[in-house]
Amino acid sequence: MNFSNFFNNNHKRTNLPDTCRPWQRIQKTGCAPRVFRIIAWLCISATLCVDSTGHAAHHNAGILLADDTGHILYAKNDGQQYIPASILKILTALTALETLGPDYRFHTLAGYHPATCNLYIKGLGDPLFISEQIQNLVNQLSQPLKTRPINDIILDHSFFGPEIRIPGTGGSTNPYDAPTGALSANFNTIFFKWDQFANQFVSAEPQTPLPSLFTPEIVESGLKTGRIILTGIKQRIYPGLLIKAFLEQKAFKISGTIKLGRAPETGLMQLTFTSEYPLKTAIKKMLKFSNNFMANQIMLTMGALKFGTPATCEKGVTHLKQFAATRLDINPLVLAEGSGLSRQNRLSPRQMLKLLMAFQPYHTLLRQQGNEFYKTGTLQDVRTRAGYFKGKDQRLYPFVIMINGHSKGYSNIRQMLKKKVAAITASPGPL
């Protein structure tokens, strides 16, 4: 499964000229007196207050910079609530890491009923149940099944509640609108391309069969190559179609069909399949590709484990809120889901700082660019960024940029915060 093909946020960048470089004059002295460092700090602060567009000083921009002890170095509108977009995933990530543990692994249950010869597969919310993992599951099933006949393959989705609708998702075929599910293959998406020699659509991933059942959806998309989501009954039977295809590759004969149902509690030859991915690896992938599906799968699974099955959005959100209140002292928290898709979510830069302080031990799970570890967020008229700058003193400096509404100051704000950290860490003593 090619993760980069599943989800990428493409942010429109606005580069603005720098307007104040007081630290350059300070640095030329080599060891600047304390008074000049204070002057440099004041100049930088003044520059941050109003960028060349004037938006940074406006209420639609919240900014915060701190050191690794939580001491605030700069703040603007830091108590105001903003739509966080995908930087909310940091909360979901931290909650999972501290609730389930970094080495937690998702499971999928399989069972064979000797009397009916039916094969049951029960999903438990694995967000990375991709083709390679499904092949591994089939490999593990091969030994106990050996030459046993297989009638129907029955898929059990009961770990999640029926028809879960995540606030903020739309009705498009874009991957960011992919629905959740207790048993979901390849993020509930298919990746295809047109083969001009075969004169038909084929899978764009050699390890993933492309059932002809999905041809109507592919044709309707109007794409010659791309990834679209699956919904409804086709989404729910897709894992079974892949399992059937991989079993047939191993010469198993399946005489029945793919069905939906509940696995019986007794009479099964059972097998528990464990994902090869520890939670910390899944979190890193979720944050790198800003994968909404994965974030909400993890949220829903935590809710079910905490409050009992079936998983619901309400249970997952409640768990996130309780964690934020007890672990981070963020209360109340306005939250609708766990990925940042919903415009109902609200966080302030100061609340984000509490989150970033707790996330410091896991900061390497964020994307890295130079000395910056970060997560971005984008919705219409929303641009956010949160993470850490690593200073020359090797300390982490948490930062938050939250812009809601039309603004062109994002890039300028980010550059000024970076220069502030560079100026502080280049100084011979504390301010």
Protein backbone atom coordinates (compact mmCIF):
# COMPACT_ATOMS: atom_id res chain seq x y z
CA MET A 1 0.00 0.00 0.00
CA ASN A 2 1.48 3.34 -1.05
CA PHE A 3 0.64 5.72 1.79
CA SER A 4 1.70 8.86 -0.08
CA ASN A 5 -0.83 8.09 -2.78
CA PHE A 6 -3.63 7.79 -0.23
CA PHE A 7 -3.47 11.21 1.33
CA ASN A 8 -1.38 14.33 0.90
CA ASN A 9 -2.21 17.82 2.05
CA ASN A 10 -1.09 20.37 -0.53
CA HIS A 11 -0.81 23.71 1.16
CA LYS A 12 -0.75 26.98 -0.73
CA ARG A 13 2.19 28.95 0.58
CA THR A 14 2.44 32.72 0.69
CA ASN A 15 5.97 34.03 0.94
CA LEU A 16 6.36 37.57 2.20
CA PRO A 17 9.54 39.64 2.57
CA ASP A 18 11.21 39.92 5.96
CA THR A 19 10.82 43.40 7.43
CA CYS A 20 13.05 43.40 10.49
CA ARG A 21 16.39 41.69 11.12
CA PRO A 22 17.67 43.23 14.38
CA TRP A 23 19.31 40.01 15.51
CA GLN A 24 21.80 40.17 12.64
CA ARG A 25 23.31 43.32 14.09
CA ILE A 26 23.41 41.71 17.52
CA GLN A 27 25.06 38.53 16.28
CA LYS A 28 27.86 40.43 14.55
CA THR A 29 29.19 41.49 17.96
CA GLY A 30 29.70 37.85 18.88
CA CYS A 31 28.72 38.35 22.54
CA ALA A 32 26.05 41.00 22.74
CA PRO A 33 25.31 42.77 26.00
CA ARG A 34 22.04 41.92 27.70
CA VAL A 35 20.54 45.29 26.79
CA PHE A 36 21.00 44.63 23.07
CA ARG A 37 19.42 41.19 23.39
CA ILE A 38 16.40 42.83 25.01
CA ILE A 39 16.25 45.39 22.18
CA ALA A 40 16.42 42.57 19.64
CA TRP A 41 13.60 40.75 21.41
CA LEU A 42 11.45 43.90 21.40
CA CYS A 43 12.10 44.45 17.70
CA ILE A 44 11.16 40.88 16.87
CA SER A 45 8.03 41.14 19.01
CA ALA A 46 7.00 44.33 17.28
CA THR A 47 7.55 42.74 13.90
CA LEU A 48 5.39 39.78 14.88
CA CYS A 49 2.55 42.01 16.03
CA VAL A 50 1.92 43.31 12.51
CA ASP A 51 3.16 41.48 9.43
CA SER A 52 3.21 43.13 6.04
CA THR A 53 -0.46 42.32 5.55
CA GLY A 54 -1.55 43.41 9.02
CA HIS A 55 -3.37 40.12 9.62
CA ALA A 56 -1.14 38.81 12.40
CA ALA A 57 -2.42 41.49 14.73
CA HIS A 58 -6.03 40.79 13.81
CA HIS A 59 -8.31 38.54 15.81
CA ASN A 60 -8.26 35.86 13.09
CA ALA A 61 -4.66 34.88 13.93
CA GLY A 62 -3.57 33.18 17.13
CA ILE A 63 0.18 32.81 17.71
CA LEU A 64 2.22 31.32 20.52
CA LEU A 65 5.87 30.48 21.08
CA ALA A 66 7.27 28.93 24.25
CA ASP A 67 10.33 27.11 25.53
CA ASP A 68 10.46 23.49 26.61
CA THR A 69 9.43 24.35 30.17
CA GLY A 70 6.23 26.02 28.98
CA HIS A 71 7.50 29.56 29.53
CA ILE A 72 5.76 31.71 26.92
CA LEU A 73 8.14 33.76 24.79
CA TYR A 74 5.54 35.31 22.55
CA ALA A 75 1.74 35.18 22.42
CA LYS A 76 -0.96 36.88 20.38
CA ASN A 77 -4.65 36.05 20.81
CA ASP A 78 -3.49 32.90 22.59
CA GLY A 79 -6.69 32.50 24.61
CA GLN A 80 -9.03 32.76 21.66
CA GLN A 81 -10.68 29.65 20.23
CA TYR A 82 -9.93 28.73 16.61
CA ILE A 83 -10.79 25.92 14.22
CA PRO A 84 -7.67 23.72 14.55
CA ALA A 85 -8.07 21.62 11.37
CA SER A 86 -5.57 18.75 11.24
CA ILE A 87 -3.32 19.86 14.09
CA LEU A 88 -6.08 18.28 16.19
CA LYS A 89 -4.54 14.93 15.19
CA ILE A 90 -1.79 15.62 17.75
CA LEU A 91 -4.43 15.28 20.49
CA THR A 92 -5.72 12.01 19.05
CA ALA A 93 -2.14 10.76 18.75
CA LEU A 94 -1.19 11.64 22.33
CA THR A 95 -4.39 10.16 23.73
CA ALA A 96 -3.76 6.88 21.91
CA LEU A 97 -0.08 6.70 22.83
CA GLU A 98 -0.80 7.20 26.52
CA THR A 99 -4.05 5.21 26.62
CA LEU A 100 -3.08 2.17 24.57
CA GLY A 101 0.72 2.46 24.74
CA PRO A 102 3.27 3.07 21.95
CA ASP A 103 3.71 -0.66 21.34
CA TYR A 104 0.01 -1.53 21.22
CA ARG A 105 -0.96 -3.53 18.12
CA PHE A 106 -4.37 -3.82 16.53
CA HIS A 107 -5.98 -7.23 16.14
CA THR A 108 -8.31 -8.93 13.69
CA LEU A 109 -10.11 -12.13 14.66
CA ALA A 110 -10.61 -15.13 12.38
CA GLY A 111 -12.56 -18.29 13.01
CA TYR A 112 -13.46 -21.45 11.08
CA HIS A 113 -16.64 -23.36 11.82
CA PRO A 114 -16.05 -27.08 11.04
CA ALA A 115 -19.76 -27.89 10.83
CA THR A 116 -20.70 -25.19 8.32
CA CYS A 117 -17.24 -24.77 6.76
CA ASN A 118 -17.74 -21.00 7.03
CA LEU A 119 -14.79 -18.68 7.60
CA TYR A 120 -15.51 -15.72 9.90
CA ILE A 121 -13.46 -12.53 9.99
CA LYS A 122 -14.15 -9.96 12.73
CA GLY A 123 -12.60 -6.51 12.55
CA LEU A 124 -11.50 -4.61 15.65
CA GLY A 125 -10.81 -1.24 14.06
CA ASP A 126 -7.32 -1.77 12.61
CA PRO A 127 -6.49 1.47 10.74
CA LEU A 128 -3.73 -0.25 8.74
CA PHE A 129 -5.51 -3.35 7.48
CA ILE A 130 -3.87 -2.99 4.09
CA SER A 131 -3.25 -5.56 1.36
CA GLU A 132 0.08 -6.70 2.77
CA GLN A 133 -1.51 -7.26 6.19
CA ILE A 134 -4.42 -9.15 4.65
CA GLN A 135 -1.94 -11.39 2.84
CA ASN A 136 -0.20 -12.03 6.17
CA LEU A 137 -3.55 -12.95 7.70
CA VAL A 138 -4.20 -15.43 4.89
CA ASN A 139 -0.71 -16.87 5.33
CA GLN A 140 -1.45 -17.50 9.01
CA LEU A 141 -4.80 -19.07 8.15
CA SER A 142 -3.24 -21.43 5.61
CA GLN A 143 -1.68 -23.77 8.15
CA PRO A 144 -4.70 -24.44 10.41
CA LEU A 145 -7.10 -24.57 7.46
CA LYS A 146 -4.81 -26.73 5.34
CA THR A 147 -7.09 -28.51 2.87
CA ARG A 148 -10.36 -27.83 4.69
CA PRO A 149 -13.19 -26.72 2.40
CA ILE A 150 -14.42 -23.16 2.74
CA ASN A 151 -18.04 -22.30 2.13
CA ASP A 152 -18.93 -18.66 2.87
CA ILE A 153 -16.60 -15.93 4.08
CA ILE A 154 -18.63 -14.03 6.68
CA LEU A 155 -17.50 -10.58 7.77
CA ASP A 156 -18.32 -9.30 11.26
CA HIS A 157 -18.40 -5.49 11.56
CA SER A 158 -20.14 -5.42 14.94
CA PHE A 159 -17.20 -3.88 16.86
CA PHE A 160 -18.28 -0.52 15.39
CA GLY A 161 -21.80 0.81 15.47
CA PRO A 162 -23.75 0.84 12.19
CA GLU A 163 -23.60 3.84 9.86
CA ILE A 164 -21.10 5.94 11.80
CA ARG A 165 -20.97 9.42 10.29
CA ILE A 166 -17.94 11.51 11.17
CA PRO A 167 -18.77 15.25 11.41
CA GLY A 168 -16.99 17.16 8.66
CA THR A 169 -16.93 14.38 6.08
CA GLY A 170 -18.73 15.02 2.82
CA GLY A 171 -20.19 12.86 0.13
CA SER A 172 -17.26 13.05 -2.26
CA THR A 173 -15.14 10.21 -3.60
CA ASN A 174 -11.97 11.91 -2.33
CA PRO A 175 -9.86 9.87 0.10
CA TYR A 176 -10.21 12.46 2.88
CA ASP A 177 -13.93 11.59 2.99
CA ALA A 178 -13.29 7.84 3.40
CA PRO A 179 -15.75 6.28 5.86
CA THR A 180 -14.65 4.39 8.94
CA GLY A 181 -15.36 0.73 9.67
CA ALA A 182 -14.50 -2.02 12.12
CA LEU A 183 -13.18 -4.12 9.23
CA SER A 184 -11.76 -1.80 6.57
CA ALA A 185 -9.35 -2.73 3.80
CA ASN A 186 -6.91 -0.20 2.33
CA PHE A 187 -8.56 2.76 4.09
CA ASN A 188 -11.85 1.87 2.34
CA THR A 189 -10.34 3.02 -0.95
CA ILE A 190 -9.27 1.47 -4.25
CA PHE A 191 -6.31 2.63 -6.32
CA PHE A 192 -6.63 2.00 -10.06
CA LYS A 193 -5.20 2.86 -13.46
CA TRP A 194 -6.13 2.30 -17.09
CA ASP A 195 -4.20 -0.43 -18.88
CA GLN A 196 -4.24 0.50 -22.56
CA PHE A 197 -2.87 -2.87 -23.62
CA ALA A 198 -5.49 -4.86 -21.73
CA ASN A 199 -8.07 -2.18 -22.53
CA GLN A 200 -9.42 -2.21 -19.00
CA PHE A 201 -8.91 -0.78 -15.53
CA VAL A 202 -6.41 -2.61 -13.35
CA SER A 203 -5.07 -2.17 -9.86
CA ALA A 204 -2.39 0.51 -9.52
CA GLU A 205 -0.84 -1.61 -6.77
CA PRO A 206 0.58 -4.97 -7.84
CA GLN A 207 -0.11 -6.50 -4.42
CA THR A 208 -3.81 -5.57 -4.50
CA PRO A 209 -6.36 -7.37 -6.70
CA LEU A 210 -9.00 -5.13 -8.28
CA PRO A 211 -12.40 -6.88 -8.27
CA SER A 212 -14.51 -6.15 -11.36
CA LEU A 213 -17.36 -5.34 -8.96
CA PHE A 214 -15.90 -1.85 -8.60
CA THR A 215 -15.74 -0.99 -12.30
CA PRO A 216 -18.97 1.09 -12.24
CA GLU A 217 -17.57 3.36 -9.48
CA ILE A 218 -14.29 3.74 -11.36
CA VAL A 219 -16.04 4.65 -14.61
CA GLU A 220 -18.30 7.10 -12.80
CA SER A 221 -15.27 8.88 -11.32
CA GLY A 222 -14.15 9.88 -14.81
CA LEU A 223 -10.52 9.19 -13.88
CA LYS A 224 -8.03 7.15 -15.84
CA THR A 225 -5.90 6.72 -12.75
CA GLY A 226 -6.53 7.62 -9.16
CA ARG A 227 -7.94 6.59 -5.81
CA ILE A 228 -11.61 6.68 -4.86
CA ILE A 229 -13.46 5.69 -1.71
CA LEU A 230 -15.86 2.82 -1.25
CA THR A 231 -19.13 3.20 0.61
CA GLY A 232 -22.13 1.12 1.58
CA ILE A 233 -22.22 -2.61 1.01
CA LYS A 234 -19.20 -2.59 -1.32
CA GLN A 235 -17.07 -0.99 1.38
CA ARG A 236 -18.17 -3.66 3.85
CA ILE A 237 -17.50 -6.68 1.64
CA TYR A 238 -14.22 -5.39 0.16
CA PRO A 239 -12.01 -7.07 2.84
CA GLY A 240 -13.75 -10.36 2.11
CA LEU A 241 -13.11 -10.06 -1.61
CA LEU A 242 -9.39 -9.56 -0.95
CA ILE A 243 -9.26 -12.46 1.52
CA LYS A 244 -11.02 -14.68 -1.02
CA ALA A 245 -8.58 -13.65 -3.78
CA PHE A 246 -5.53 -14.34 -1.61
CA LEU A 247 -6.92 -17.71 -0.46
CA GLU A 248 -7.54 -18.72 -4.08
CA GLN A 249 -3.96 -17.79 -4.90
CA LYS A 250 -3.01 -20.48 -2.37
CA ALA A 251 -5.29 -23.01 -4.11
CA PHE A 252 -8.10 -22.88 -1.54
CA LYS A 253 -11.54 -23.54 -2.97
CA ILE A 254 -14.31 -21.18 -1.83
CA SER A 255 -17.70 -22.59 -2.78
CA GLY A 256 -19.86 -19.86 -1.23
CA THR A 257 -19.96 -16.07 -1.28
CA ILE A 258 -18.96 -13.05 0.79
CA LYS A 259 -21.58 -12.31 3.44
CA LEU A 260 -22.09 -10.03 6.41
CA GLY A 261 -22.95 -11.45 9.81
CA ARG A 262 -21.85 -12.06 13.38
CA ALA A 263 -19.33 -14.67 14.36
CA PRO A 264 -20.73 -17.29 16.75
CA GLU A 265 -19.26 -17.20 20.25
CA THR A 266 -18.63 -20.96 20.36
CA GLY A 267 -17.71 -23.76 18.00
CA LEU A 268 -14.99 -21.93 16.09
CA MET A 269 -11.38 -22.75 15.41
CA GLN A 270 -10.07 -19.31 16.34
CA LEU A 271 -7.06 -17.31 15.29
CA THR A 272 -6.06 -13.82 16.40
CA PHE A 273 -4.14 -11.89 13.77
CA THR A 274 -1.85 -9.18 15.15
CA SER A 275 -0.79 -6.25 12.99
CA GLU A 276 2.91 -5.94 12.29
CA TYR A 277 2.64 -2.20 12.99
CA PRO A 278 2.99 -0.98 16.58
CA LEU A 279 0.82 2.00 17.43
CA LYS A 280 3.75 4.43 17.32
CA THR A 281 4.35 3.45 13.68
CA ALA A 282 0.69 3.86 12.83
CA ILE A 283 0.69 7.27 14.53
CA LYS A 284 3.74 8.38 12.58
CA LYS A 285 2.05 7.43 9.31
CA MET A 286 -1.18 9.13 10.38
CA LEU A 287 0.64 12.37 11.19
CA LYS A 288 2.91 12.30 8.12
CA PHE A 289 0.06 11.85 5.65
CA SER A 290 -2.57 13.66 7.74
CA ASN A 291 -4.77 10.60 7.38
CA ASN A 292 -8.29 11.45 8.56
CA PHE A 293 -9.47 7.85 8.26
CA MET A 294 -6.71 6.58 10.55
CA ALA A 295 -7.27 9.32 13.13
CA ASN A 296 -10.95 8.53 13.47
CA GLN A 297 -10.40 4.76 13.38
CA ILE A 298 -8.07 5.15 16.35
CA MET A 299 -10.51 7.47 18.15
CA LEU A 300 -13.42 5.06 17.63
CA THR A 301 -11.39 2.06 18.79
CA MET A 302 -10.33 3.85 21.97
CA GLY A 303 -13.95 4.73 22.68
CA ALA A 304 -15.04 1.11 22.29
CA LEU A 305 -12.24 -0.19 24.50
CA LYS A 306 -13.03 2.40 27.18
CA PHE A 307 -16.84 2.38 27.18
CA GLY A 308 -17.67 -0.94 25.52
CA THR A 309 -18.83 -1.96 22.07
CA PRO A 310 -20.09 -0.95 19.66
CA ALA A 311 -17.79 1.97 18.91
CA THR A 312 -19.54 5.28 18.28
CA CYS A 313 -18.32 8.76 17.53
CA GLU A 314 -19.80 9.95 20.83
CA LYS A 315 -17.79 7.41 22.84
CA GLY A 316 -14.57 8.30 21.04
CA VAL A 317 -15.08 12.04 21.49
CA THR A 318 -15.94 11.56 25.17
CA HIS A 319 -12.69 9.64 25.69
CA LEU A 320 -10.66 12.39 24.01
CA LYS A 321 -12.38 15.04 26.14
CA GLN A 322 -11.81 13.12 29.36
CA PHE A 323 -8.14 12.62 28.52
CA ALA A 324 -7.73 16.31 27.69
CA ALA A 325 -9.37 17.31 30.97
CA THR A 326 -7.52 14.94 33.29
CA ARG A 327 -4.12 14.72 31.61
CA LEU A 328 -3.79 18.17 30.04
CA ASP A 329 -6.14 20.32 32.14
CA ILE A 330 -8.00 21.35 28.97
CA ASN A 331 -11.60 21.78 30.02
CA PRO A 332 -14.00 22.51 28.49
CA LEU A 333 -12.99 21.24 25.07
CA VAL A 334 -15.14 21.80 21.99
CA LEU A 335 -14.69 18.64 19.95
CA ALA A 336 -16.74 16.81 17.29
CA GLU A 337 -14.30 14.15 16.01
CA GLY A 338 -10.64 13.17 16.08
CA SER A 339 -9.10 14.17 12.74
CA GLY A 340 -9.76 17.91 12.44
CA LEU A 341 -12.17 17.61 9.51
CA SER A 342 -15.05 19.23 11.38
CA ARG A 343 -15.38 22.98 11.61
CA GLN A 344 -17.11 22.45 14.95
CA ASN A 345 -13.78 21.68 16.64
CA ARG A 346 -12.26 24.52 18.65
CA LEU A 347 -8.91 24.96 20.39
CA SER A 348 -6.94 27.97 21.55
CA PRO A 349 -3.18 28.38 21.08
CA ARG A 350 -2.77 28.19 24.86
CA GLN A 351 -4.63 24.86 24.94
CA MET A 352 -2.45 23.65 22.08
CA LEU A 353 0.62 24.56 24.13
CA LYS A 354 -0.54 22.24 26.93
CA LEU A 355 -0.88 19.49 24.34
CA LEU A 356 2.54 20.19 22.82
CA MET A 357 4.21 20.18 26.23
CA ALA A 358 2.89 16.67 26.86
CA PHE A 359 3.74 15.52 23.33
CA GLN A 360 7.44 16.42 23.58
CA PRO A 361 8.59 12.81 24.20
CA TYR A 362 6.92 11.85 20.91
CA HIS A 363 7.93 14.87 18.84
CA THR A 364 9.94 12.74 16.38
CA LEU A 365 6.66 11.18 15.21
CA LEU A 366 5.86 14.52 13.55
CA ARG A 367 7.07 15.49 10.10
CA GLN A 368 10.49 17.09 10.11
CA GLN A 369 11.87 19.86 7.95
CA GLY A 370 15.28 21.06 9.03
CA ASN A 371 15.08 21.96 12.71
CA GLU A 372 11.27 21.97 12.70
CA PHE A 373 8.93 19.16 13.77
CA TYR A 374 5.42 20.06 12.76
CA LYS A 375 1.84 19.26 11.84
CA THR A 376 -0.20 21.43 9.51
CA GLY A 377 -3.91 21.88 9.06
CA THR A 378 -5.93 23.25 6.16
CA LEU A 379 -9.63 23.83 5.58
CA GLN A 380 -11.32 26.56 3.59
CA ASP A 381 -10.17 29.86 5.15
CA VAL A 382 -8.27 27.93 7.83
CA ARG A 383 -4.49 27.48 8.06
CA THR A 384 -2.81 26.10 11.14
CA ARG A 385 0.59 24.79 12.11
CA ALA A 386 1.87 23.46 15.41
CA GLY A 387 5.00 21.69 16.56
CA TYR A 388 8.49 22.47 17.72
CA PHE A 389 11.56 24.33 16.59
CA LYS A 390 14.78 22.72 17.77
CA GLY A 391 17.15 25.47 18.84
CA LYS A 392 20.91 25.59 18.60
CA ASP A 393 20.88 24.76 22.31
CA GLN A 394 19.17 21.43 21.37
CA ARG A 395 16.04 22.41 23.30
CA LEU A 396 12.53 22.21 21.85
CA TYR A 397 10.51 25.39 21.40
CA PRO A 398 6.79 24.64 20.99
CA PHE A 399 4.88 26.93 18.64
CA VAL A 400 1.33 27.37 17.43
CA ILE A 401 -0.02 29.32 14.44
CA MET A 402 -3.80 29.36 13.98
CA ILE A 403 -5.34 31.52 11.26
CA ASN A 404 -9.09 31.44 10.68
CA GLY A 405 -10.49 33.64 7.96
CA HIS A 406 -8.81 35.20 4.95
CA SER A 407 -5.18 35.98 5.72
CA LYS A 408 -1.88 36.12 3.89
CA GLY A 409 0.37 36.31 6.95
CA TYR A 410 0.96 32.62 7.63
CA SER A 411 4.42 32.26 6.05
CA ASN A 412 5.66 35.52 7.49
CA ILE A 413 4.55 34.56 11.00
CA ARG A 414 6.28 31.18 10.73
CA GLN A 415 9.54 32.72 9.54
CA MET A 416 9.50 35.30 12.34
CA LEU A 417 8.99 32.60 14.97
CA LYS A 418 11.90 30.61 13.53
CA LYS A 419 14.11 33.69 13.64
CA LYS A 420 13.04 34.40 17.19
CA VAL A 421 14.19 30.93 18.25
CA ALA A 422 17.45 31.37 16.33
CA ALA A 423 18.06 34.71 18.06
CA ILE A 424 17.34 33.34 21.53
CA THR A 425 19.48 30.22 21.15
CA ALA A 426 22.35 32.23 19.67
CA SER A 427 22.43 34.49 22.72
CA PRO A 428 25.06 33.76 25.41
CA GLY A 429 22.59 34.05 28.29
CA PRO A 430 18.90 34.10 29.16
CA LEU A 431 16.73 37.12 28.41
